[in-house]
């Protein structure tokens, strides 16, 4: 990764970098790319691709019908009720 590459990336991303930051990012990105090249050297023949590290399972509960609380009891202490629902002041015009 050259300084020209870093300047191009910074300009594309609308970043303003100091000369020290350009040097830092050039070295850092170069190290990451070298590591990726080293990983590419590994023999992965016969190794199944891993999409998920952990097993996938459905975390949803069973959909069962349950009784709910009595509507009249819930609305008993409401300051204003209309058609079996709480009535609140208008918030949006």
N, C-alpha and C. Protein backbone atom coordinates (compact mmCIF):
# COMPACT_ATOMS: atom_id res chain seq x y z
N UNK A 1 0.86 -1.16 0.00
CA UNK A 1 0.00 0.00 0.00
C UNK A 1 0.91 1.23 0.00
N UNK A 2 0.76 2.03 -1.01
CA UNK A 2 1.62 3.22 -1.13
C UNK A 2 0.91 4.44 -0.58
N UNK A 3 1.68 5.51 -0.43
CA UNK A 3 1.07 6.77 0.03
C UNK A 3 0.07 7.30 -1.00
N UNK A 4 0.34 7.05 -2.29
CA UNK A 4 -0.61 7.46 -3.32
C UNK A 4 -1.94 6.73 -3.16
N UNK A 5 -1.87 5.44 -2.82
CA UNK A 5 -3.09 4.67 -2.59
C UNK A 5 -3.87 5.25 -1.41
N UNK A 6 -3.16 5.56 -0.34
CA UNK A 6 -3.80 6.13 0.85
C UNK A 6 -4.42 7.48 0.53
N UNK A 7 -3.70 8.31 -0.22
CA UNK A 7 -4.24 9.63 -0.58
C UNK A 7 -5.48 9.48 -1.45
N UNK A 8 -5.47 8.50 -2.36
CA UNK A 8 -6.64 8.26 -3.20
C UNK A 8 -7.83 7.82 -2.35
N UNK A 9 -7.60 6.87 -1.44
CA UNK A 9 -8.68 6.39 -0.57
C UNK A 9 -9.21 7.52 0.31
N UNK A 10 -8.31 8.32 0.86
CA UNK A 10 -8.73 9.44 1.72
C UNK A 10 -9.55 10.44 0.94
N UNK A 11 -9.13 10.73 -0.27
CA UNK A 11 -9.87 11.69 -1.10
C UNK A 11 -11.25 11.13 -1.46
N UNK A 12 -11.31 9.85 -1.79
CA UNK A 12 -12.58 9.21 -2.13
C UNK A 12 -13.54 9.23 -0.95
N UNK A 13 -13.00 8.99 0.26
CA UNK A 13 -13.82 8.96 1.46
C UNK A 13 -14.01 10.34 2.08
N UNK A 14 -13.44 11.36 1.45
CA UNK A 14 -13.55 12.74 1.95
C UNK A 14 -12.91 12.88 3.34
N UNK A 15 -11.78 12.19 3.54
CA UNK A 15 -11.02 12.31 4.79
C UNK A 15 -9.86 13.27 4.57
N UNK A 16 -9.56 14.03 5.58
CA UNK A 16 -8.37 14.87 5.57
C UNK A 16 -7.37 14.24 6.52
N UNK A 17 -6.24 13.76 5.98
CA UNK A 17 -5.25 13.07 6.78
C UNK A 17 -3.96 13.88 6.83
N UNK A 18 -3.34 13.85 7.98
CA UNK A 18 -2.02 14.48 8.12
C UNK A 18 -0.99 13.54 7.50
N UNK A 19 0.21 14.03 7.20
CA UNK A 19 1.25 13.14 6.67
C UNK A 19 1.55 11.96 7.60
N UNK A 20 1.50 12.19 8.91
CA UNK A 20 1.74 11.11 9.87
C UNK A 20 0.64 10.06 9.78
N UNK A 21 -0.60 10.50 9.64
CA UNK A 21 -1.73 9.56 9.53
C UNK A 21 -1.63 8.75 8.24
N UNK A 22 -1.20 9.40 7.16
CA UNK A 22 -1.03 8.68 5.89
C UNK A 22 0.00 7.57 6.05
N UNK A 23 1.12 7.88 6.70
CA UNK A 23 2.16 6.88 6.94
C UNK A 23 1.62 5.73 7.79
N UNK A 24 0.89 6.10 8.85
CA UNK A 24 0.33 5.09 9.76
C UNK A 24 -0.62 4.15 9.02
N UNK A 25 -1.54 4.73 8.24
CA UNK A 25 -2.52 3.90 7.54
C UNK A 25 -1.85 3.07 6.44
N UNK A 26 -0.84 3.61 5.78
CA UNK A 26 -0.13 2.84 4.76
C UNK A 26 0.50 1.60 5.39
N UNK A 27 1.16 1.76 6.54
CA UNK A 27 1.78 0.62 7.22
C UNK A 27 0.72 -0.37 7.71
N UNK A 28 -0.35 0.16 8.33
CA UNK A 28 -1.39 -0.71 8.91
C UNK A 28 -2.09 -1.53 7.84
N UNK A 29 -2.48 -0.89 6.77
CA UNK A 29 -3.20 -1.60 5.70
C UNK A 29 -2.26 -2.60 5.02
N UNK A 30 -0.99 -2.22 4.88
CA UNK A 30 -0.02 -3.13 4.29
C UNK A 30 0.13 -4.39 5.14
N UNK A 31 0.14 -4.25 6.46
CA UNK A 31 0.23 -5.40 7.35
C UNK A 31 -1.00 -6.31 7.21
N UNK A 32 -2.18 -5.72 7.11
CA UNK A 32 -3.40 -6.50 6.94
C UNK A 32 -3.36 -7.27 5.61
N UNK A 33 -2.91 -6.61 4.55
CA UNK A 33 -2.84 -7.28 3.25
C UNK A 33 -1.81 -8.41 3.25
N UNK A 34 -0.68 -8.22 3.93
CA UNK A 34 0.32 -9.28 4.04
C UNK A 34 -0.25 -10.47 4.79
N UNK A 35 -1.02 -10.20 5.85
CA UNK A 35 -1.64 -11.28 6.61
C UNK A 35 -2.64 -12.04 5.74
N UNK A 36 -3.42 -11.31 4.94
CA UNK A 36 -4.38 -11.96 4.04
C UNK A 36 -3.65 -12.83 3.02
N UNK A 37 -2.52 -12.36 2.52
CA UNK A 37 -1.72 -13.16 1.59
C UNK A 37 -1.22 -14.43 2.27
N UNK A 38 -0.80 -14.31 3.52
CA UNK A 38 -0.31 -15.48 4.27
C UNK A 38 -1.45 -16.50 4.45
N UNK A 39 -2.66 -16.02 4.73
CA UNK A 39 -3.80 -16.93 4.87
C UNK A 39 -4.12 -17.63 3.55
N UNK A 40 -3.90 -16.93 2.44
CA UNK A 40 -4.18 -17.52 1.13
C UNK A 40 -3.24 -18.69 0.83
N UNK A 41 -2.11 -18.77 1.51
CA UNK A 41 -1.15 -19.85 1.30
C UNK A 41 -1.61 -21.17 1.93
N UNK A 42 -2.57 -21.10 2.84
CA UNK A 42 -3.02 -22.30 3.54
C UNK A 42 -3.73 -23.26 2.59
N UNK A 43 -3.51 -24.54 2.80
CA UNK A 43 -4.18 -25.57 2.02
C UNK A 43 -5.55 -25.82 2.65
N UNK A 44 -6.59 -25.43 1.96
CA UNK A 44 -7.95 -25.60 2.48
C UNK A 44 -8.73 -26.65 1.70
N UNK A 45 -8.01 -27.46 0.95
CA UNK A 45 -8.69 -28.50 0.16
C UNK A 45 -9.37 -29.50 1.09
N UNK A 46 -10.63 -29.77 0.83
CA UNK A 46 -11.39 -30.72 1.64
C UNK A 46 -12.00 -30.10 2.89
N UNK A 47 -11.78 -28.83 3.11
CA UNK A 47 -12.34 -28.16 4.29
C UNK A 47 -13.66 -27.53 3.88
N UNK A 48 -14.72 -27.91 4.58
CA UNK A 48 -16.04 -27.35 4.28
C UNK A 48 -16.08 -25.87 4.67
N UNK A 49 -16.69 -25.05 3.82
CA UNK A 49 -16.83 -23.63 4.18
C UNK A 49 -17.66 -23.47 5.45
N UNK A 50 -17.27 -22.53 6.28
CA UNK A 50 -17.99 -22.26 7.52
C UNK A 50 -18.76 -20.96 7.36
N UNK A 51 -20.06 -21.07 7.43
CA UNK A 51 -20.89 -19.87 7.34
C UNK A 51 -21.19 -19.36 8.74
N UNK A 52 -21.55 -20.29 9.63
CA UNK A 52 -21.90 -19.94 10.99
C UNK A 52 -20.99 -20.70 11.95
N UNK A 53 -20.49 -20.02 12.96
CA UNK A 53 -19.64 -20.67 13.94
C UNK A 53 -20.45 -21.49 14.93
N UNK A 54 -21.67 -21.06 15.19
CA UNK A 54 -22.54 -21.75 16.14
C UNK A 54 -23.73 -22.34 15.38
N UNK A 55 -24.29 -23.39 15.94
CA UNK A 55 -25.46 -23.99 15.32
C UNK A 55 -26.63 -23.02 15.31
N UNK A 56 -27.44 -23.14 14.29
CA UNK A 56 -28.61 -22.27 14.18
C UNK A 56 -29.81 -22.97 14.79
N UNK A 57 -30.53 -22.25 15.62
CA UNK A 57 -31.76 -22.82 16.17
C UNK A 57 -32.78 -21.70 16.30
N UNK A 58 -34.02 -22.07 16.20
CA UNK A 58 -35.11 -21.12 16.30
C UNK A 58 -35.32 -20.79 17.78
N UNK A 59 -35.29 -19.51 18.10
CA UNK A 59 -35.44 -19.10 19.49
C UNK A 59 -36.87 -18.65 19.81
N UNK A 60 -37.76 -18.78 18.84
CA UNK A 60 -39.12 -18.37 19.08
C UNK A 60 -39.87 -19.41 19.91
N UNK A 61 -40.81 -18.93 20.71
CA UNK A 61 -41.62 -19.84 21.51
C UNK A 61 -42.77 -20.37 20.67
N UNK A 62 -43.40 -21.39 21.16
CA UNK A 62 -44.57 -21.93 20.48
C UNK A 62 -45.67 -20.87 20.46
N UNK A 63 -46.41 -20.82 19.37
CA UNK A 63 -47.50 -19.87 19.23
C UNK A 63 -48.77 -20.50 19.79
N UNK A 64 -49.05 -20.19 21.05
CA UNK A 64 -50.22 -20.76 21.70
C UNK A 64 -51.18 -19.65 22.12
N UNK A 65 -52.45 -19.98 22.09
CA UNK A 65 -53.48 -19.02 22.50
C UNK A 65 -53.51 -18.97 24.01
N UNK A 66 -53.46 -17.75 24.54
CA UNK A 66 -53.53 -17.55 25.99
C UNK A 66 -54.60 -16.51 26.28
N UNK A 67 -55.19 -16.62 27.44
CA UNK A 67 -56.19 -15.62 27.81
C UNK A 67 -55.48 -14.32 28.18
N UNK A 68 -56.15 -13.22 27.89
CA UNK A 68 -55.56 -11.92 28.22
C UNK A 68 -56.33 -11.31 29.40
N UNK A 69 -55.85 -10.18 29.85
CA UNK A 69 -56.51 -9.52 30.98
C UNK A 69 -57.84 -8.92 30.53
N UNK A 70 -58.71 -8.71 31.45
CA UNK A 70 -60.03 -8.15 31.18
C UNK A 70 -59.89 -6.68 30.77
N UNK A 71 -60.45 -6.32 29.61
CA UNK A 71 -60.33 -4.97 29.08
C UNK A 71 -60.92 -3.94 30.05
N UNK A 72 -62.08 -4.21 30.63
CA UNK A 72 -62.70 -3.25 31.55
C UNK A 72 -61.81 -3.00 32.76
N UNK A 73 -61.15 -4.04 33.25
CA UNK A 73 -60.24 -3.90 34.38
C UNK A 73 -59.04 -3.02 34.00
N UNK A 74 -58.51 -3.21 32.78
CA UNK A 74 -57.36 -2.43 32.32
C UNK A 74 -57.72 -0.95 32.13
N UNK A 75 -58.93 -0.69 31.65
CA UNK A 75 -59.34 0.69 31.37
C UNK A 75 -59.96 1.38 32.58
N UNK A 76 -60.08 0.68 33.68
CA UNK A 76 -60.76 1.19 34.86
C UNK A 76 -60.17 2.52 35.36
N UNK A 77 -58.86 2.67 35.38
CA UNK A 77 -58.23 3.88 35.91
C UNK A 77 -57.80 4.87 34.83
N UNK A 78 -58.19 4.64 33.58
CA UNK A 78 -57.82 5.55 32.50
C UNK A 78 -58.55 6.87 32.65
N UNK A 79 -57.85 7.95 32.33
CA UNK A 79 -58.49 9.27 32.46
C UNK A 79 -59.50 9.51 31.35
N UNK A 80 -59.30 8.90 30.17
CA UNK A 80 -60.24 9.09 29.06
C UNK A 80 -60.25 7.82 28.22
N UNK A 81 -61.44 7.33 27.94
CA UNK A 81 -61.60 6.09 27.17
C UNK A 81 -62.58 6.35 26.04
N UNK A 82 -62.29 5.76 24.87
CA UNK A 82 -63.21 5.88 23.74
C UNK A 82 -63.19 4.55 22.98
N UNK A 83 -64.35 3.97 22.77
CA UNK A 83 -64.52 2.72 22.02
C UNK A 83 -63.63 1.61 22.56
N UNK A 84 -63.51 1.51 23.87
CA UNK A 84 -62.74 0.45 24.49
C UNK A 84 -61.24 0.63 24.40
N UNK A 85 -60.77 1.84 24.12
CA UNK A 85 -59.33 2.12 24.00
C UNK A 85 -58.97 3.35 24.83
N UNK A 86 -57.71 3.46 25.18
CA UNK A 86 -57.23 4.67 25.85
C UNK A 86 -57.30 5.83 24.87
N UNK A 87 -57.73 6.97 25.35
CA UNK A 87 -57.76 8.17 24.52
C UNK A 87 -56.69 9.11 25.10
N UNK A 88 -55.78 9.56 24.20
CA UNK A 88 -54.68 10.41 24.61
C UNK A 88 -54.72 11.68 23.80
N UNK A 89 -54.05 12.73 24.30
CA UNK A 89 -54.02 13.98 23.55
C UNK A 89 -53.31 13.81 22.20
N UNK A 90 -53.74 14.57 21.21
CA UNK A 90 -53.13 14.52 19.89
C UNK A 90 -51.71 15.06 20.00
N UNK A 91 -50.77 14.32 19.42
CA UNK A 91 -49.36 14.70 19.51
C UNK A 91 -48.86 15.26 18.17
N UNK A 92 -49.33 14.71 17.06
CA UNK A 92 -48.86 15.12 15.73
C UNK A 92 -49.98 15.88 15.03
N UNK A 93 -49.62 16.96 14.42
CA UNK A 93 -50.61 17.76 13.67
C UNK A 93 -50.80 17.19 12.30
